[in-house]
Amino acid sequence: MAPIPWGKFPTVAEHQLAHRWLQFTANIGRAPNTIDAYGRAVEDHLQFCAAEDTDPLLARADIVAAWIRNMLDRPRTVSHTSKGSRQGETGLANATIQQRLVAVRSFYEYLVKTACANRTRSAGGRPDAAADDPVRAWYGTSSKPRGSPTRKSGNGS
């Protein structure tokens, strides 16, 4: 398993599904900086949900919107006063907010795909054919080299 500095993300570490998602993300080869950014993003989201007394597994669009508003309204923690500094302004940088949204979207997509796969398996079925190719199953792309045949073609077909 890929190493993760769990001490940086205590809420993620304690939340079973968030823990599994971040470990999955690391195990599929995401860069350490990506794991760090995604861990911080989901840590922030889980802490916001806790402050709002909302189960993150039941969070709806209004909670996500409130979290976005919270990120837009936070006091800046930038302490430098170099030219172009936005000291005194509020809110996280737009790029930071977008990055956090991508990470949280990834977390919720993981939850949905895990739940669908588990529901299909528990019903005695088989998840879609993409289960044979884990990259395709999670990201909609194939791990096979481009141009590799998916089936043999006959002479007259």
C-alpha atoms as a PDB file:
ATOM      1  CA  MET A   1       0.000   0.000   0.000  1.00  0.00           C
ATOM      2  CA  ALA A   2       1.146   3.505  -0.783  1.00  0.00           C
ATOM      3  CA  PRO A   3       2.124   5.467   2.339  1.00  0.00           C
ATOM      4  CA  ILE A   4      -0.154   8.294   3.485  1.00  0.00           C
ATOM      5  CA  PRO A   5       0.697  10.754   6.276  1.00  0.00           C
ATOM      6  CA  TRP A   6      -2.541  10.108   8.194  1.00  0.00           C
ATOM      7  CA  GLY A   7      -1.569  12.539  10.947  1.00  0.00           C
ATOM      8  CA  LYS A   8      -2.225  15.383   8.499  1.00  0.00           C
ATOM      9  CA  PHE A   9      -5.801  14.194   7.941  1.00  0.00           C
ATOM     10  CA  PRO A  10      -7.157  12.914  11.268  1.00  0.00           C
ATOM     11  CA  THR A  11     -10.821  13.229  10.291  1.00  0.00           C
ATOM     12  CA  VAL A  12     -10.217  11.375   7.011  1.00  0.00           C
ATOM     13  CA  ALA A  13      -8.228   8.733   8.895  1.00  0.00           C
ATOM     14  CA  GLU A  14     -11.135   8.152  11.306  1.00  0.00           C
ATOM     15  CA  HIS A  15     -13.859   8.117   8.647  1.00  0.00           C
ATOM     16  CA  GLN A  16     -13.818   4.556   7.281  1.00  0.00           C
ATOM     17  CA  LEU A  17     -14.987   5.377   3.752  1.00  0.00           C
ATOM     18  CA  ALA A  18     -12.879   8.517   3.396  1.00  0.00           C
ATOM     19  CA  HIS A  19      -9.876   6.542   4.641  1.00  0.00           C
ATOM     20  CA  ARG A  20     -10.517   3.817   2.045  1.00  0.00           C
ATOM     21  CA  TRP A  21     -10.988   6.403  -0.726  1.00  0.00           C
ATOM     22  CA  LEU A  22      -7.738   8.240   0.024  1.00  0.00           C
ATOM     23  CA  GLN A  23      -5.839   4.949   0.262  1.00  0.00           C
ATOM     24  CA  PHE A  24      -7.381   3.832  -3.047  1.00  0.00           C
ATOM     25  CA  THR A  25      -6.370   7.144  -4.621  1.00  0.00           C
ATOM     26  CA  ALA A  26      -2.797   6.707  -3.408  1.00  0.00           C
ATOM     27  CA  ASN A  27      -2.668   3.053  -4.457  1.00  0.00           C
ATOM     28  CA  ILE A  28      -3.598   3.834  -8.062  1.00  0.00           C
ATOM     29  CA  GLY A  29      -0.505   5.983  -8.326  1.00  0.00           C
ATOM     30  CA  ARG A  30      -1.610   9.549  -7.737  1.00  0.00           C
ATOM     31  CA  ALA A  31       1.310  11.840  -6.947  1.00  0.00           C
ATOM     32  CA  PRO A  32       2.119  12.517  -3.278  1.00  0.00           C
ATOM     33  CA  ASN A  33       1.219  16.202  -3.734  1.00  0.00           C
ATOM     34  CA  THR A  34      -2.168  15.176  -5.136  1.00  0.00           C
ATOM     35  CA  ILE A  35      -2.771  12.865  -2.181  1.00  0.00           C
ATOM     36  CA  ASP A  36      -1.853  15.711   0.160  1.00  0.00           C
ATOM     37  CA  ALA A  37      -4.175  18.189  -1.581  1.00  0.00           C
ATOM     38  CA  TYR A  38      -7.046  15.689  -1.808  1.00  0.00           C
ATOM     39  CA  GLY A  39      -6.584  14.682   1.825  1.00  0.00           C
ATOM     40  CA  ARG A  40      -6.690  18.337   2.942  1.00  0.00           C
ATOM     41  CA  ALA A  41      -9.770  18.967   0.802  1.00  0.00           C
ATOM     42  CA  VAL A  42     -11.789  16.045   2.140  1.00  0.00           C
ATOM     43  CA  GLU A  43     -10.540  16.773   5.664  1.00  0.00           C
ATOM     44  CA  ASP A  44     -11.942  20.290   5.302  1.00  0.00           C
ATOM     45  CA  HIS A  45     -15.237  19.018   3.894  1.00  0.00           C
ATOM     46  CA  LEU A  46     -15.691  16.413   6.636  1.00  0.00           C
ATOM     47  CA  GLN A  47     -14.919  18.997   9.318  1.00  0.00           C
ATOM     48  CA  PHE A  48     -17.436  21.397   7.770  1.00  0.00           C
ATOM     49  CA  CYS A  49     -20.089  18.654   7.736  1.00  0.00           C
ATOM     50  CA  ALA A  50     -19.368  17.914  11.405  1.00  0.00           C
ATOM     51  CA  ALA A  51     -19.682  21.611  12.294  1.00  0.00           C
ATOM     52  CA  GLU A  52     -23.035  21.663  10.463  1.00  0.00           C
ATOM     53  CA  ASP A  53     -24.087  18.467  12.261  1.00  0.00           C
ATOM     54  CA  THR A  54     -24.500  16.750   8.890  1.00  0.00           C
ATOM     55  CA  ASP A  55     -23.536  13.207   8.012  1.00  0.00           C
ATOM     56  CA  PRO A  56     -21.279  13.623   4.958  1.00  0.00           C
ATOM     57  CA  LEU A  57     -22.844  10.495   3.453  1.00  0.00           C
ATOM     58  CA  LEU A  58     -26.207  12.273   3.499  1.00  0.00           C
ATOM     59  CA  ALA A  59     -24.968  15.722   2.498  1.00  0.00           C
ATOM     60  CA  ARG A  60     -27.024  17.281  -0.254  1.00  0.00           C
ATOM     61  CA  ALA A  61     -26.294  20.092  -2.666  1.00  0.00           C
ATOM     62  CA  ASP A  62     -27.285  22.745  -0.113  1.00  0.00           C
ATOM     63  CA  ILE A  63     -24.556  21.542   2.275  1.00  0.00           C
ATOM     64  CA  VAL A  64     -21.960  21.559  -0.505  1.00  0.00           C
ATOM     65  CA  ALA A  65     -23.109  25.068  -1.468  1.00  0.00           C
ATOM     66  CA  ALA A  66     -22.788  26.184   2.166  1.00  0.00           C
ATOM     67  CA  TRP A  67     -19.272  24.704   2.265  1.00  0.00           C
ATOM     68  CA  ILE A  68     -18.361  26.623  -0.888  1.00  0.00           C
ATOM     69  CA  ARG A  69     -19.765  29.822   0.659  1.00  0.00           C
ATOM     70  CA  ASN A  70     -17.714  29.098   3.785  1.00  0.00           C
ATOM     71  CA  MET A  71     -14.542  28.780   1.691  1.00  0.00           C
ATOM     72  CA  LEU A  72     -15.386  32.046  -0.107  1.00  0.00           C
ATOM     73  CA  ASP A  73     -15.914  33.896   3.179  1.00  0.00           C
ATOM     74  CA  ARG A  74     -12.978  32.615   5.246  1.00  0.00           C
ATOM     75  CA  PRO A  75     -10.395  35.155   6.366  1.00  0.00           C
ATOM     76  CA  ARG A  76      -7.173  34.783   4.420  1.00  0.00           C
ATOM     77  CA  THR A  77      -4.227  33.411   6.314  1.00  0.00           C
ATOM     78  CA  VAL A  78      -1.602  34.825   3.933  1.00  0.00           C
ATOM     79  CA  SER A  79       0.907  36.787   5.989  1.00  0.00           C
ATOM     80  CA  HIS A  80       3.192  38.151   3.284  1.00  0.00           C
ATOM     81  CA  THR A  81       2.693  41.646   1.884  1.00  0.00           C
ATOM     82  CA  SER A  82       4.481  41.320  -1.430  1.00  0.00           C
ATOM     83  CA  LYS A  83       3.276  43.141  -4.508  1.00  0.00           C
ATOM     84  CA  GLY A  84       0.031  41.625  -5.701  1.00  0.00           C
ATOM     85  CA  SER A  85      -0.819  40.209  -2.271  1.00  0.00           C
ATOM     86  CA  ARG A  86      -4.484  39.930  -1.435  1.00  0.00           C
ATOM     87  CA  GLN A  87      -3.963  40.415   2.287  1.00  0.00           C
ATOM     88  CA  GLY A  88      -7.091  41.698   3.969  1.00  0.00           C
ATOM     89  CA  GLU A  89      -9.367  40.008   1.465  1.00  0.00           C
ATOM     90  CA  THR A  90     -11.488  37.080   2.446  1.00  0.00           C
ATOM     91  CA  GLY A  91     -11.953  33.706   0.894  1.00  0.00           C
ATOM     92  CA  LEU A  92      -9.710  30.996  -0.386  1.00  0.00           C
ATOM     93  CA  ALA A  93      -8.258  31.464  -3.846  1.00  0.00           C
ATOM     94  CA  ASN A  94     -10.514  30.311  -6.667  1.00  0.00           C
ATOM     95  CA  ALA A  95      -7.946  27.686  -7.725  1.00  0.00           C
ATOM     96  CA  THR A  96      -7.926  26.263  -4.179  1.00  0.00           C
ATOM     97  CA  ILE A  97     -11.713  26.067  -4.094  1.00  0.00           C
ATOM     98  CA  GLN A  98     -11.804  24.363  -7.500  1.00  0.00           C
ATOM     99  CA  GLN A  99      -9.154  21.868  -6.411  1.00  0.00           C
ATOM    100  CA  ARG A 100     -11.116  21.060  -3.252  1.00  0.00           C
ATOM    101  CA  LEU A 101     -14.293  20.559  -5.249  1.00  0.00           C
ATOM    102  CA  VAL A 102     -12.514  18.152  -7.597  1.00  0.00           C
ATOM    103  CA  ALA A 103     -11.232  16.150  -4.627  1.00  0.00           C
ATOM    104  CA  VAL A 104     -14.613  16.012  -2.883  1.00  0.00           C
ATOM    105  CA  ARG A 105     -16.307  15.084  -6.174  1.00  0.00           C
ATOM    106  CA  SER A 106     -13.803  12.239  -6.504  1.00  0.00           C
ATOM    107  CA  PHE A 107     -14.640  11.098  -2.965  1.00  0.00           C
ATOM    108  CA  TYR A 108     -18.397  11.079  -3.662  1.00  0.00           C
ATOM    109  CA  GLU A 109     -17.926   9.349  -7.025  1.00  0.00           C
ATOM    110  CA  TYR A 110     -15.956   6.670  -5.206  1.00  0.00           C
ATOM    111  CA  LEU A 111     -18.817   6.270  -2.721  1.00  0.00           C
ATOM    112  CA  VAL A 112     -21.398   5.948  -5.486  1.00  0.00           C
ATOM    113  CA  LYS A 113     -19.350   3.473  -7.497  1.00  0.00           C
ATOM    114  CA  THR A 114     -18.550   1.421  -4.408  1.00  0.00           C
ATOM    115  CA  ALA A 115     -22.207   1.345  -3.372  1.00  0.00           C
ATOM    116  CA  CYS A 116     -23.338   0.358  -6.889  1.00  0.00           C
ATOM    117  CA  ALA A 117     -20.731  -2.393  -7.124  1.00  0.00           C
ATOM    118  CA  ASN A 118     -21.663  -3.718  -3.680  1.00  0.00           C
ATOM    119  CA  ARG A 119     -25.394  -3.601  -4.464  1.00  0.00           C
ATOM    120  CA  THR A 120     -24.855  -5.492  -7.731  1.00  0.00           C
ATOM    121  CA  ARG A 121     -22.671  -8.126  -6.062  1.00  0.00           C
ATOM    122  CA  SER A 122     -25.079  -8.598  -3.146  1.00  0.00           C
ATOM    123  CA  ALA A 123     -27.921  -9.161  -5.614  1.00  0.00           C
ATOM    124  CA  GLY A 124     -25.945 -12.044  -7.126  1.00  0.00           C
ATOM    125  CA  GLY A 125     -25.129 -10.126 -10.265  1.00  0.00           C
ATOM    126  CA  ARG A 126     -21.887  -8.959 -11.720  1.00  0.00           C
ATOM    127  CA  PRO A 127     -20.904  -5.314 -12.038  1.00  0.00           C
ATOM    128  CA  ASP A 128     -20.538  -4.059 -15.588  1.00  0.00           C
ATOM    129  CA  ALA A 129     -17.912  -5.538 -17.868  1.00  0.00           C
ATOM    130  CA  ALA A 130     -15.535  -2.763 -16.871  1.00  0.00           C
ATOM    131  CA  ALA A 131     -14.860  -4.737 -13.691  1.00  0.00           C
ATOM    132  CA  ASP A 132     -12.352  -6.743 -15.719  1.00  0.00           C
ATOM    133  CA  ASP A 133     -10.351  -3.548 -16.210  1.00  0.00           C
ATOM    134  CA  PRO A 134     -10.067  -1.552 -12.953  1.00  0.00           C
ATOM    135  CA  VAL A 135      -8.888   1.624 -14.640  1.00  0.00           C
ATOM    136  CA  ARG A 136     -11.902   1.604 -16.943  1.00  0.00           C
ATOM    137  CA  ALA A 137     -14.200   0.662 -14.078  1.00  0.00           C
ATOM    138  CA  TRP A 138     -13.253   3.742 -12.072  1.00  0.00           C
ATOM    139  CA  TYR A 139     -12.313   6.284 -14.697  1.00  0.00           C
ATOM    140  CA  GLY A 140     -14.133   5.262 -17.870  1.00  0.00           C
ATOM    141  CA  THR A 141     -10.936   4.639 -19.844  1.00  0.00           C
ATOM    142  CA  SER A 142      -9.184   1.448 -20.683  1.00  0.00           C
ATOM    143  CA  SER A 143      -5.759   0.504 -19.413  1.00  0.00           C
ATOM    144  CA  LYS A 144      -5.172  -1.440 -22.640  1.00  0.00           C
ATOM    145  CA  PRO A 145      -2.866   0.177 -25.179  1.00  0.00           C
ATOM    146  CA  ARG A 146      -4.585   2.216 -27.863  1.00  0.00           C
ATOM    147  CA  GLY A 147      -5.536   0.207 -30.890  1.00  0.00           C
ATOM    148  CA  SER A 148      -5.632  -3.131 -29.120  1.00  0.00           C
ATOM    149  CA  PRO A 149      -8.437  -5.269 -30.461  1.00  0.00           C
ATOM    150  CA  THR A 150     -11.367  -5.895 -28.178  1.00  0.00           C
ATOM    151  CA  ARG A 151     -12.681  -8.783 -30.278  1.00  0.00           C
ATOM    152  CA  LYS A 152     -11.566 -10.747 -33.270  1.00  0.00           C
ATOM    153  CA  SER A 153     -13.274  -9.852 -36.511  1.00  0.00           C
ATOM    154  CA  GLY A 154     -14.302 -12.525 -38.929  1.00  0.00           C
ATOM    155  CA  ASN A 155     -13.957 -12.533 -42.693  1.00  0.00           C
ATOM    156  CA  GLY A 156     -17.511 -11.616 -43.594  1.00  0.00           C
ATOM    157  CA  SER A 157     -18.555  -9.492 -40.624  1.00  0.00           C
END
